[in-house]
Amino acid sequence: MKTDTLTVDLNMPHKALQVIPQGALRLVCREGSVWITLDHEQRDVVLQPGEVFTTRPQQRAIAYALQASVLRLEPGAQPRLE
């Protein structure tokens, strides 16, 4: 999935798994609750509606829907938890 120049909304049913492509991406929880596991990191992130996390360049992630969710992938810049 090429996501470096476009925005993609992932509709994730409860318990769905989605591999997030590597690259600096803003992950925006639009609905539901999404658990993000980051490649080569011990920490995980749980996003609620309106929360945003930005991955680093060359970092992959896996998203797991804790409930039916919508996760938006946007081109990102600086890694941070807002």
PDB file of N, CA and C in Angstrom:
ATOM      1  N   MET A   1       0.848  -1.179   0.000  1.00  0.00           N
ATOM      2  CA  MET A   1       0.000   0.000   0.000  1.00  0.00           C
ATOM      3  C   MET A   1       0.890   1.237   0.000  1.00  0.00           C
ATOM      4  N   LYS A   2       0.796   2.067  -1.010  1.00  0.00           N
ATOM      5  CA  LYS A   2       1.581   3.298  -1.095  1.00  0.00           C
ATOM      6  C   LYS A   2       0.836   4.388  -0.339  1.00  0.00           C
ATOM      7  N   THR A   3       1.465   4.902   0.736  1.00  0.00           N
ATOM      8  CA  THR A   3       0.775   5.873   1.588  1.00  0.00           C
ATOM      9  C   THR A   3       1.562   7.160   1.789  1.00  0.00           C
ATOM     10  N   ASP A   4       2.653   7.367   1.022  1.00  0.00           N
ATOM     11  CA  ASP A   4       3.490   8.531   1.282  1.00  0.00           C
ATOM     12  C   ASP A   4       2.896   9.837   0.779  1.00  0.00           C
ATOM     13  N   THR A   5       1.886   9.811  -0.079  1.00  0.00           N
ATOM     14  CA  THR A   5       1.306  11.056  -0.589  1.00  0.00           C
ATOM     15  C   THR A   5      -0.208  11.089  -0.495  1.00  0.00           C
ATOM     16  N   LEU A   6      -0.821  10.078   0.094  1.00  0.00           N
ATOM     17  CA  LEU A   6      -2.274  10.077   0.146  1.00  0.00           C
ATOM     18  C   LEU A   6      -2.763   9.694   1.530  1.00  0.00           C
ATOM     19  N   THR A   7      -4.012   9.997   1.782  1.00  0.00           N
ATOM     20  CA  THR A   7      -4.658   9.663   3.040  1.00  0.00           C
ATOM     21  C   THR A   7      -5.574   8.472   2.807  1.00  0.00           C
ATOM     22  N   VAL A   8      -5.500   7.491   3.711  1.00  0.00           N
ATOM     23  CA  VAL A   8      -6.288   6.270   3.594  1.00  0.00           C
ATOM     24  C   VAL A   8      -7.029   6.042   4.904  1.00  0.00           C
ATOM     25  N   ASP A   9      -8.331   5.772   4.832  1.00  0.00           N
ATOM     26  CA  ASP A   9      -9.103   5.375   6.009  1.00  0.00           C
ATOM     27  C   ASP A   9      -9.268   3.864   5.986  1.00  0.00           C
ATOM     28  N   LEU A  10      -8.838   3.208   7.062  1.00  0.00           N
ATOM     29  CA  LEU A  10      -8.988   1.764   7.193  1.00  0.00           C
ATOM     30  C   LEU A  10     -10.185   1.484   8.090  1.00  0.00           C
ATOM     31  N   ASN A  11     -11.207   0.852   7.555  1.00  0.00           N
ATOM     32  CA  ASN A  11     -12.350   0.423   8.356  1.00  0.00           C
ATOM     33  C   ASN A  11     -12.001  -0.945   8.924  1.00  0.00           C
ATOM     34  N   MET A  12     -11.838  -1.010  10.228  1.00  0.00           N
ATOM     35  CA  MET A  12     -11.373  -2.222  10.882  1.00  0.00           C
ATOM     36  C   MET A  12     -12.470  -2.805  11.769  1.00  0.00           C
ATOM     37  N   PRO A  13     -12.980  -3.988  11.435  1.00  0.00           N
ATOM     38  CA  PRO A  13     -13.931  -4.630  12.336  1.00  0.00           C
ATOM     39  C   PRO A  13     -13.239  -5.025  13.647  1.00  0.00           C
ATOM     40  N   HIS A  14     -14.014  -5.280  14.671  1.00  0.00           N
ATOM     41  CA  HIS A  14     -13.481  -5.714  15.962  1.00  0.00           C
ATOM     42  C   HIS A  14     -12.529  -6.897  15.770  1.00  0.00           C
ATOM     43  N   LYS A  15     -11.376  -6.836  16.390  1.00  0.00           N
ATOM     44  CA  LYS A  15     -10.323  -7.864  16.361  1.00  0.00           C
ATOM     45  C   LYS A  15      -9.580  -7.957  15.031  1.00  0.00           C
ATOM     46  N   ALA A  16      -9.759  -6.991  14.144  1.00  0.00           N
ATOM     47  CA  ALA A  16      -9.024  -6.995  12.871  1.00  0.00           C
ATOM     48  C   ALA A  16      -7.566  -6.610  13.106  1.00  0.00           C
ATOM     49  N   LEU A  17      -6.675  -7.219  12.336  1.00  0.00           N
ATOM     50  CA  LEU A  17      -5.250  -6.888  12.335  1.00  0.00           C
ATOM     51  C   LEU A  17      -4.903  -6.243  11.003  1.00  0.00           C
ATOM     52  N   GLN A  18      -4.076  -5.208  11.046  1.00  0.00           N
ATOM     53  CA  GLN A  18      -3.645  -4.544   9.819  1.00  0.00           C
ATOM     54  C   GLN A  18      -2.162  -4.235   9.938  1.00  0.00           C
ATOM     55  N   VAL A  19      -1.369  -4.692   8.982  1.00  0.00           N
ATOM     56  CA  VAL A  19       0.046  -4.324   8.940  1.00  0.00           C
ATOM     57  C   VAL A  19       0.131  -2.922   8.353  1.00  0.00           C
ATOM     58  N   ILE A  20       0.792  -2.035   9.074  1.00  0.00           N
ATOM     59  CA  ILE A  20       0.969  -0.649   8.626  1.00  0.00           C
ATOM     60  C   ILE A  20       2.306  -0.580   7.890  1.00  0.00           C
ATOM     61  N   PRO A  21       2.335  -0.078   6.664  1.00  0.00           N
ATOM     62  CA  PRO A  21       3.602  -0.032   5.924  1.00  0.00           C
ATOM     63  C   PRO A  21       4.620   0.869   6.613  1.00  0.00           C
ATOM     64  N   GLN A  22       5.891   0.559   6.393  1.00  0.00           N
ATOM     65  CA  GLN A  22       6.924   1.373   7.030  1.00  0.00           C
ATOM     66  C   GLN A  22       6.985   2.749   6.391  1.00  0.00           C
ATOM     67  N   GLY A  23       7.398   3.707   7.191  1.00  0.00           N
ATOM     68  CA  GLY A  23       7.502   5.086   6.737  1.00  0.00           C
ATOM     69  C   GLY A  23       6.938   6.015   7.782  1.00  0.00           C
ATOM     70  N   ALA A  24       7.236   7.279   7.673  1.00  0.00           N
ATOM     71  CA  ALA A  24       6.713   8.271   8.608  1.00  0.00           C
ATOM     72  C   ALA A  24       5.245   8.520   8.271  1.00  0.00           C
ATOM     73  N   LEU A  25       4.359   7.938   9.069  1.00  0.00           N
ATOM     74  CA  LEU A  25       2.923   8.084   8.848  1.00  0.00           C
ATOM     75  C   LEU A  25       2.248   8.589  10.108  1.00  0.00           C
ATOM     76  N   ARG A  26       1.257   9.439   9.918  1.00  0.00           N
ATOM     77  CA  ARG A  26       0.384   9.841  11.030  1.00  0.00           C
ATOM     78  C   ARG A  26      -0.755   8.837  11.088  1.00  0.00           C
ATOM     79  N   LEU A  27      -0.924   8.208  12.240  1.00  0.00           N
ATOM     80  CA  LEU A  27      -2.014   7.274  12.468  1.00  0.00           C
ATOM     81  C   LEU A  27      -3.048   8.008  13.311  1.00  0.00           C
ATOM     82  N   VAL A  28      -4.227   8.208  12.761  1.00  0.00           N
ATOM     83  CA  VAL A  28      -5.279   8.979  13.426  1.00  0.00           C
ATOM     84  C   VAL A  28      -6.452   8.044  13.698  1.00  0.00           C
ATOM     85  N   CYS A  29      -6.818   7.896  14.965  1.00  0.00           N
ATOM     86  CA  CYS A  29      -7.996   7.101  15.301  1.00  0.00           C
ATOM     87  C   CYS A  29      -9.228   7.976  15.084  1.00  0.00           C
ATOM     88  N   ARG A  30     -10.053   7.601  14.133  1.00  0.00           N
ATOM     89  CA  ARG A  30     -11.268   8.372  13.826  1.00  0.00           C
ATOM     90  C   ARG A  30     -12.466   7.851  14.617  1.00  0.00           C
ATOM     91  N   GLU A  31     -12.499   6.529  14.826  1.00  0.00           N
ATOM     92  CA  GLU A  31     -13.584   5.882  15.575  1.00  0.00           C
ATOM     93  C   GLU A  31     -13.020   4.657  16.268  1.00  0.00           C
ATOM     94  N   GLY A  32     -13.618   4.282  17.389  1.00  0.00           N
ATOM     95  CA  GLY A  32     -13.252   3.043  18.067  1.00  0.00           C
ATOM     96  C   GLY A  32     -12.003   3.180  18.913  1.00  0.00           C
ATOM     97  N   SER A  33     -11.232   2.103  18.970  1.00  0.00           N
ATOM     98  CA  SER A  33     -10.016   2.035  19.776  1.00  0.00           C
ATOM     99  C   SER A  33      -9.042   1.095  19.075  1.00  0.00           C
ATOM    100  N   VAL A  34      -7.810   1.570  18.855  1.00  0.00           N
ATOM    101  CA  VAL A  34      -6.827   0.801  18.080  1.00  0.00           C
ATOM    102  C   VAL A  34      -5.533   0.665  18.881  1.00  0.00           C
ATOM    103  N   TRP A  35      -5.057  -0.547  18.985  1.00  0.00           N
ATOM    104  CA  TRP A  35      -3.799  -0.867  19.664  1.00  0.00           C
ATOM    105  C   TRP A  35      -2.723  -0.923  18.587  1.00  0.00           C
ATOM    106  N   ILE A  36      -1.666  -0.130  18.744  1.00  0.00           N
ATOM    107  CA  ILE A  36      -0.569  -0.064  17.779  1.00  0.00           C
ATOM    108  C   ILE A  36       0.673  -0.704  18.400  1.00  0.00           C
ATOM    109  N   THR A  37       1.217  -1.711  17.731  1.00  0.00           N
ATOM    110  CA  THR A  37       2.472  -2.342  18.140  1.00  0.00           C
ATOM    111  C   THR A  37       3.537  -1.910  17.148  1.00  0.00           C
ATOM    112  N   LEU A  38       4.640  -1.386  17.666  1.00  0.00           N
ATOM    113  CA  LEU A  38       5.701  -0.826  16.828  1.00  0.00           C
ATOM    114  C   LEU A  38       6.846  -1.817  16.656  1.00  0.00           C
ATOM    115  N   ASP A  39       7.353  -1.922  15.436  1.00  0.00           N
ATOM    116  CA  ASP A  39       8.467  -2.805  15.112  1.00  0.00           C
ATOM    117  C   ASP A  39       9.721  -2.352  15.854  1.00  0.00           C
ATOM    118  N   HIS A  40      10.400  -3.281  16.512  1.00  0.00           N
ATOM    119  CA  HIS A  40      11.667  -3.041  17.214  1.00  0.00           C
ATOM    120  C   HIS A  40      11.533  -2.083  18.392  1.00  0.00           C
ATOM    121  N   GLU A  41      10.363  -2.009  19.010  1.00  0.00           N
ATOM    122  CA  GLU A  41      10.180  -1.187  20.211  1.00  0.00           C
ATOM    123  C   GLU A  41       9.421  -1.993  21.247  1.00  0.00           C
ATOM    124  N   GLN A  42       9.706  -1.744  22.512  1.00  0.00           N
ATOM    125  CA  GLN A  42       9.019  -2.453  23.580  1.00  0.00           C
ATOM    126  C   GLN A  42       7.671  -1.824  23.907  1.00  0.00           C
ATOM    127  N   ARG A  43       7.477  -0.586  23.546  1.00  0.00           N
ATOM    128  CA  ARG A  43       6.227   0.091  23.898  1.00  0.00           C
ATOM    129  C   ARG A  43       5.153  -0.148  22.846  1.00  0.00           C
ATOM    130  N   ASP A  44       3.933  -0.087  23.295  1.00  0.00           N
ATOM    131  CA  ASP A  44       2.763  -0.114  22.430  1.00  0.00           C
ATOM    132  C   ASP A  44       1.989   1.173  22.671  1.00  0.00           C
ATOM    133  N   VAL A  45       1.098   1.498  21.765  1.00  0.00           N
ATOM    134  CA  VAL A  45       0.284   2.710  21.872  1.00  0.00           C
ATOM    135  C   VAL A  45      -1.170   2.315  21.646  1.00  0.00           C
ATOM    136  N   VAL A  46      -2.069   2.824  22.469  1.00  0.00           N
ATOM    137  CA  VAL A  46      -3.499   2.637  22.244  1.00  0.00           C
ATOM    138  C   VAL A  46      -4.082   3.998  21.893  1.00  0.00           C
ATOM    139  N   LEU A  47      -4.738   4.065  20.739  1.00  0.00           N
ATOM    140  CA  LEU A  47      -5.347   5.311  20.281  1.00  0.00           C
ATOM    141  C   LEU A  47      -6.858   5.253  20.452  1.00  0.00           C
ATOM    142  N   GLN A  48      -7.402   6.339  20.980  1.00  0.00           N
ATOM    143  CA  GLN A  48      -8.843   6.544  21.108  1.00  0.00           C
ATOM    144  C   GLN A  48      -9.246   7.586  20.061  1.00  0.00           C
ATOM    145  N   PRO A  49     -10.539   7.779  19.815  1.00  0.00           N
ATOM    146  CA  PRO A  49     -10.967   8.754  18.802  1.00  0.00           C
ATOM    147  C   PRO A  49     -10.327  10.133  19.008  1.00  0.00           C
ATOM    148  N   GLY A  50      -9.753  10.655  17.918  1.00  0.00           N
ATOM    149  CA  GLY A  50      -9.118  11.969  17.943  1.00  0.00           C
ATOM    150  C   GLY A  50      -7.639  11.937  18.284  1.00  0.00           C
ATOM    151  N   GLU A  51      -7.130  10.819  18.794  1.00  0.00           N
ATOM    152  CA  GLU A  51      -5.711  10.734  19.139  1.00  0.00           C
ATOM    153  C   GLU A  51      -4.883  10.378  17.911  1.00  0.00           C
ATOM    154  N   VAL A  52      -3.636  10.855  17.924  1.00  0.00           N
ATOM    155  CA  VAL A  52      -2.741  10.720  16.768  1.00  0.00           C
ATOM    156  C   VAL A  52      -1.387  10.199  17.233  1.00  0.00           C
ATOM    157  N   PHE A  53      -0.796   9.321  16.444  1.00  0.00           N
ATOM    158  CA  PHE A  53       0.579   8.879  16.669  1.00  0.00           C
ATOM    159  C   PHE A  53       1.288   8.905  15.323  1.00  0.00           C
ATOM    160  N   THR A  54       2.542   9.375  15.310  1.00  0.00           N
ATOM    161  CA  THR A  54       3.318   9.411  14.068  1.00  0.00           C
ATOM    162  C   THR A  54       4.475   8.430  14.162  1.00  0.00           C
ATOM    163  N   THR A  55       4.564   7.534  13.188  1.00  0.00           N
ATOM    164  CA  THR A  55       5.673   6.585  13.155  1.00  0.00           C
ATOM    165  C   THR A  55       6.906   7.254  12.559  1.00  0.00           C
ATOM    166  N   ARG A  56       8.054   6.664  12.858  1.00  0.00           N
ATOM    167  CA  ARG A  56       9.313   7.175  12.307  1.00  0.00           C
ATOM    168  C   ARG A  56       9.540   6.600  10.913  1.00  0.00           C
ATOM    169  N   PRO A  57      10.381   7.269  10.110  1.00  0.00           N
ATOM    170  CA  PRO A  57      10.749   6.687   8.814  1.00  0.00           C
ATOM    171  C   PRO A  57      11.362   5.304   9.041  1.00  0.00           C
ATOM    172  N   GLN A  58      11.081   4.377   8.166  1.00  0.00           N
ATOM    173  CA  GLN A  58      11.585   3.002   8.222  1.00  0.00           C
ATOM    174  C   GLN A  58      10.992   2.184   9.369  1.00  0.00           C
ATOM    175  N   GLN A  59       9.984   2.714  10.074  1.00  0.00           N
ATOM    176  CA  GLN A  59       9.355   1.966  11.169  1.00  0.00           C
ATOM    177  C   GLN A  59       8.033   1.370  10.699  1.00  0.00           C
ATOM    178  N   ARG A  60       7.867   0.077  10.968  1.00  0.00           N
ATOM    179  CA  ARG A  60       6.608  -0.588  10.648  1.00  0.00           C
ATOM    180  C   ARG A  60       5.797  -0.747  11.920  1.00  0.00           C
ATOM    181  N   ALA A  61       4.514  -0.963  11.740  1.00  0.00           N
ATOM    182  CA  ALA A  61       3.630  -1.140  12.889  1.00  0.00           C
ATOM    183  C   ALA A  61       2.527  -2.116  12.515  1.00  0.00           C
ATOM    184  N   ILE A  62       1.888  -2.651  13.544  1.00  0.00           N
ATOM    185  CA  ILE A  62       0.705  -3.483  13.370  1.00  0.00           C
ATOM    186  C   ILE A  62      -0.408  -2.839  14.177  1.00  0.00           C
ATOM    187  N   ALA A  63      -1.574  -2.712  13.568  1.00  0.00           N
ATOM    188  CA  ALA A  63      -2.744  -2.142  14.244  1.00  0.00           C
ATOM    189  C   ALA A  63      -3.738  -3.262  14.527  1.00  0.00           C
ATOM    190  N   TYR A  64      -4.306  -3.242  15.732  1.00  0.00           N
ATOM    191  CA  TYR A  64      -5.308  -4.225  16.146  1.00  0.00           C
ATOM    192  C   TYR A  64      -6.520  -3.454  16.657  1.00  0.00           C
ATOM    193  N   ALA A  65      -7.680  -3.756  16.108  1.00  0.00           N
ATOM    194  CA  ALA A  65      -8.911  -3.058  16.504  1.00  0.00           C
ATOM    195  C   ALA A  65      -9.460  -3.669  17.792  1.00  0.00           C
ATOM    196  N   LEU A  66      -9.417  -2.908  18.872  1.00  0.00           N
ATOM    197  CA  LEU A  66      -9.974  -3.361  20.142  1.00  0.00           C
ATOM    198  C   LEU A  66     -11.501  -3.361  20.105  1.00  0.00           C
ATOM    199  N   GLN A  67     -12.045  -2.637  19.151  1.00  0.00           N
ATOM    200  CA  GLN A  67     -13.476  -2.623  18.832  1.00  0.00           C
ATOM    201  C   GLN A  67     -13.569  -2.160  17.385  1.00  0.00           C
ATOM    202  N   ALA A  68     -14.744  -2.190  16.795  1.00  0.00           N
ATOM    203  CA  ALA A  68     -14.880  -1.691  15.419  1.00  0.00           C
ATOM    204  C   ALA A  68     -14.308  -0.273  15.371  1.00  0.00           C
ATOM    205  N   SER A  69     -13.406  -0.027  14.419  1.00  0.00           N
ATOM    206  CA  SER A  69     -12.646   1.223  14.410  1.00  0.00           C
ATOM    207  C   SER A  69     -12.408   1.719  12.993  1.00  0.00           C
ATOM    208  N   VAL A  70     -12.072   3.001  12.912  1.00  0.00           N
ATOM    209  CA  VAL A  70     -11.587   3.592  11.667  1.00  0.00           C
ATOM    210  C   VAL A  70     -10.240   4.228  11.988  1.00  0.00           C
ATOM    211  N   LEU A  71      -9.197   3.771  11.297  1.00  0.00           N
ATOM    212  CA  LEU A  71      -7.852   4.299  11.477  1.00  0.00           C
ATOM    213  C   LEU A  71      -7.440   4.993  10.191  1.00  0.00           C
ATOM    214  N   ARG A  72      -7.103   6.264  10.297  1.00  0.00           N
ATOM    215  CA  ARG A  72      -6.659   7.037   9.136  1.00  0.00           C
ATOM    216  C   ARG A  72      -5.137   7.025   9.073  1.00  0.00           C
ATOM    217  N   LEU A  73      -4.597   6.766   7.880  1.00  0.00           N
ATOM    218  CA  LEU A  73      -3.162   6.854   7.620  1.00  0.00           C
ATOM    219  C   LEU A  73      -2.924   8.085   6.764  1.00  0.00           C
ATOM    220  N   GLU A  74      -2.055   8.968   7.255  1.00  0.00           N
ATOM    221  CA  GLU A  74      -1.717  10.204   6.535  1.00  0.00           C
ATOM    222  C   GLU A  74      -0.203  10.300   6.429  1.00  0.00           C
ATOM    223  N   PRO A  75       0.296  10.989   5.411  1.00  0.00           N
ATOM    224  CA  PRO A  75       1.736  11.254   5.376  1.00  0.00           C
ATOM    225  C   PRO A  75       2.126  11.998   6.649  1.00  0.00           C
ATOM    226  N   GLY A  76       3.237  11.621   7.259  1.00  0.00           N
ATOM    227  CA  GLY A  76       3.654  12.239   8.519  1.00  0.00           C
ATOM    228  C   GLY A  76       4.995  12.909   8.397  1.00  0.00           C
ATOM    229  N   ALA A  77       5.397  13.559   9.485  1.00  0.00           N
ATOM    230  CA  ALA A  77       6.680  14.246   9.503  1.00  0.00           C
ATOM    231  C   ALA A  77       7.444  13.907  10.778  1.00  0.00           C
ATOM    232  N   GLN A  78       7.054  14.472  11.901  1.00  0.00           N
ATOM    233  CA  GLN A  78       7.768  14.301  13.156  1.00  0.00           C
ATOM    234  C   GLN A  78       7.099  13.241  14.026  1.00  0.00           C
ATOM    235  N   PRO A  79       7.872  12.262  14.566  1.00  0.00           N
ATOM    236  CA  PRO A  79       7.277  11.262  15.441  1.00  0.00           C
ATOM    237  C   PRO A  79       6.894  11.863  16.783  1.00  0.00           C
ATOM    238  N   ARG A  80       5.661  11.615  17.227  1.00  0.00           N
ATOM    239  CA  ARG A  80       5.212  12.109  18.531  1.00  0.00           C
ATOM    240  C   ARG A  80       3.835  11.543  18.845  1.00  0.00           C
ATOM    241  N   LEU A  81       3.508  11.576  20.110  1.00  0.00           N
ATOM    242  CA  LEU A  81       2.176  11.208  20.568  1.00  0.00           C
ATOM    243  C   LEU A  81       1.507  12.491  20.992  1.00  0.00           C
ATOM    244  N   GLU A  82       0.374  12.822  20.371  1.00  0.00           N
ATOM    245  CA  GLU A  82      -0.310  14.086  20.674  1.00  0.00           C
ATOM    246  C   GLU A  82      -1.395  13.854  21.696  1.00  0.00           C
TER     247      GLU A  82
END
